[in-house]
Amino acid sequence: MNEMMNSGVELMLIGMGIVFAFLALLIVMVNIMTAVIQRFFPEDSVLDVSPMTAPTSHTEAGVIAAISAALHQYRNKK
């Protein structure tokens, strides 16, 4: 029985080691790919972080009104 427990623990440690090694390799490869892509395909700004502005055109106001009406109708059904 003791021999079977030792074999089970050994197998568990080997499996966990393989999974850990794979995940570590995956992290390293993703970081290398990111560095290569940023080096050969640089972008000026990936995210356009601009402050929210109030709706100024009729289209934006119309969209907001339609969304508000849909939400109101949805909430009244429940």
C-alpha atoms as a PDB file:
ATOM      1  CA  MET A   1       0.000   0.000   0.000  1.00  0.00           C
ATOM      2  CA  ASN A   2       2.841   2.364   0.871  1.00  0.00           C
ATOM      3  CA  GLU A   3       4.430   1.694  -2.520  1.00  0.00           C
ATOM      4  CA  MET A   4       1.204   2.663  -4.302  1.00  0.00           C
ATOM      5  CA  MET A   5       0.991   5.921  -2.309  1.00  0.00           C
ATOM      6  CA  ASN A   6       4.577   6.750  -3.240  1.00  0.00           C
ATOM      7  CA  SER A   7       3.824   6.053  -6.905  1.00  0.00           C
ATOM      8  CA  GLY A   8       0.703   8.233  -6.742  1.00  0.00           C
ATOM      9  CA  VAL A   9       2.547  11.143  -5.123  1.00  0.00           C
ATOM     10  CA  GLU A  10       5.377  10.793  -7.644  1.00  0.00           C
ATOM     11  CA  LEU A  11       2.949  10.804 -10.552  1.00  0.00           C
ATOM     12  CA  MET A  12       1.122  13.821  -9.094  1.00  0.00           C
ATOM     13  CA  LEU A  13       4.354  15.791  -8.704  1.00  0.00           C
ATOM     14  CA  ILE A  14       5.482  14.930 -12.229  1.00  0.00           C
ATOM     15  CA  GLY A  15       2.108  16.005 -13.649  1.00  0.00           C
ATOM     16  CA  MET A  16       2.094  19.251 -11.692  1.00  0.00           C
ATOM     17  CA  GLY A  17       5.675  19.931 -12.789  1.00  0.00           C
ATOM     18  CA  ILE A  18       4.778  19.414 -16.446  1.00  0.00           C
ATOM     19  CA  VAL A  19       1.766  21.722 -16.186  1.00  0.00           C
ATOM     20  CA  PHE A  20       3.844  24.376 -14.396  1.00  0.00           C
ATOM     21  CA  ALA A  21       6.607  24.140 -17.017  1.00  0.00           C
ATOM     22  CA  PHE A  22       4.051  24.450 -19.846  1.00  0.00           C
ATOM     23  CA  LEU A  23       2.416  27.524 -18.290  1.00  0.00           C
ATOM     24  CA  ALA A  24       5.796  29.154 -17.647  1.00  0.00           C
ATOM     25  CA  LEU A  25       6.806  28.474 -21.265  1.00  0.00           C
ATOM     26  CA  LEU A  26       3.480  29.891 -22.460  1.00  0.00           C
ATOM     27  CA  ILE A  27       4.036  33.117 -20.505  1.00  0.00           C
ATOM     28  CA  VAL A  28       7.576  33.475 -21.863  1.00  0.00           C
ATOM     29  CA  MET A  29       6.438  32.883 -25.448  1.00  0.00           C
ATOM     30  CA  VAL A  30       3.555  35.385 -25.173  1.00  0.00           C
ATOM     31  CA  ASN A  31       5.955  38.022 -23.835  1.00  0.00           C
ATOM     32  CA  ILE A  32       8.425  37.323 -26.658  1.00  0.00           C
ATOM     33  CA  MET A  33       5.643  37.518 -29.265  1.00  0.00           C
ATOM     34  CA  THR A  34       4.426  40.796 -27.784  1.00  0.00           C
ATOM     35  CA  ALA A  35       7.921  42.273 -27.945  1.00  0.00           C
ATOM     36  CA  VAL A  36       8.431  41.134 -31.552  1.00  0.00           C
ATOM     37  CA  ILE A  37       5.063  42.455 -32.708  1.00  0.00           C
ATOM     38  CA  GLN A  38       5.589  45.807 -30.993  1.00  0.00           C
ATOM     39  CA  ARG A  39       9.047  46.091 -32.518  1.00  0.00           C
ATOM     40  CA  PHE A  40       8.064  45.332 -36.111  1.00  0.00           C
ATOM     41  CA  PHE A  41       4.517  46.728 -36.087  1.00  0.00           C
ATOM     42  CA  PRO A  42       4.535  49.764 -33.803  1.00  0.00           C
ATOM     43  CA  GLU A  43       1.313  51.693 -33.321  1.00  0.00           C
ATOM     44  CA  ASP A  44       1.145  55.336 -32.318  1.00  0.00           C
ATOM     45  CA  SER A  45      -1.717  54.858 -29.922  1.00  0.00           C
ATOM     46  CA  VAL A  46      -3.586  51.627 -29.463  1.00  0.00           C
ATOM     47  CA  LEU A  47      -6.250  53.061 -27.197  1.00  0.00           C
ATOM     48  CA  ASP A  48      -7.828  56.422 -27.821  1.00  0.00           C
ATOM     49  CA  VAL A  49      -8.532  57.521 -24.281  1.00  0.00           C
ATOM     50  CA  SER A  50     -10.527  60.690 -24.612  1.00  0.00           C
ATOM     51  CA  PRO A  51     -12.913  62.127 -22.071  1.00  0.00           C
ATOM     52  CA  MET A  52     -16.606  61.514 -22.599  1.00  0.00           C
ATOM     53  CA  THR A  53     -18.416  64.455 -24.090  1.00  0.00           C
ATOM     54  CA  ALA A  54     -22.069  65.362 -23.979  1.00  0.00           C
ATOM     55  CA  PRO A  55     -24.082  64.380 -27.045  1.00  0.00           C
ATOM     56  CA  THR A  56     -24.183  67.261 -29.479  1.00  0.00           C
ATOM     57  CA  SER A  57     -25.810  65.954 -32.635  1.00  0.00           C
ATOM     58  CA  HIS A  58     -29.384  64.779 -33.165  1.00  0.00           C
ATOM     59  CA  THR A  59     -28.141  61.315 -34.072  1.00  0.00           C
ATOM     60  CA  GLU A  60     -26.478  60.773 -30.698  1.00  0.00           C
ATOM     61  CA  ALA A  61     -29.471  62.226 -28.879  1.00  0.00           C
ATOM     62  CA  GLY A  62     -31.777  59.982 -30.893  1.00  0.00           C
ATOM     63  CA  VAL A  63     -29.713  56.911 -30.069  1.00  0.00           C
ATOM     64  CA  ILE A  64     -29.764  57.791 -26.384  1.00  0.00           C
ATOM     65  CA  ALA A  65     -33.528  58.304 -26.508  1.00  0.00           C
ATOM     66  CA  ALA A  66     -34.029  54.946 -28.241  1.00  0.00           C
ATOM     67  CA  ILE A  67     -31.873  53.138 -25.687  1.00  0.00           C
ATOM     68  CA  SER A  68     -33.714  54.842 -22.830  1.00  0.00           C
ATOM     69  CA  ALA A  69     -37.085  53.857 -24.295  1.00  0.00           C
ATOM     70  CA  ALA A  70     -35.951  50.252 -24.764  1.00  0.00           C
ATOM     71  CA  LEU A  71     -34.698  50.065 -21.183  1.00  0.00           C
ATOM     72  CA  HIS A  72     -37.923  51.546 -19.879  1.00  0.00           C
ATOM     73  CA  GLN A  73     -39.990  49.028 -21.836  1.00  0.00           C
ATOM     74  CA  TYR A  74     -37.775  46.125 -20.714  1.00  0.00           C
ATOM     75  CA  ARG A  75     -37.989  47.112 -17.043  1.00  0.00           C
ATOM     76  CA  ASN A  76     -41.788  47.494 -17.224  1.00  0.00           C
ATOM     77  CA  LYS A  77     -42.140  43.927 -18.542  1.00  0.00           C
ATOM     78  CA  LYS A  78     -40.400  42.471 -15.478  1.00  0.00           C
END
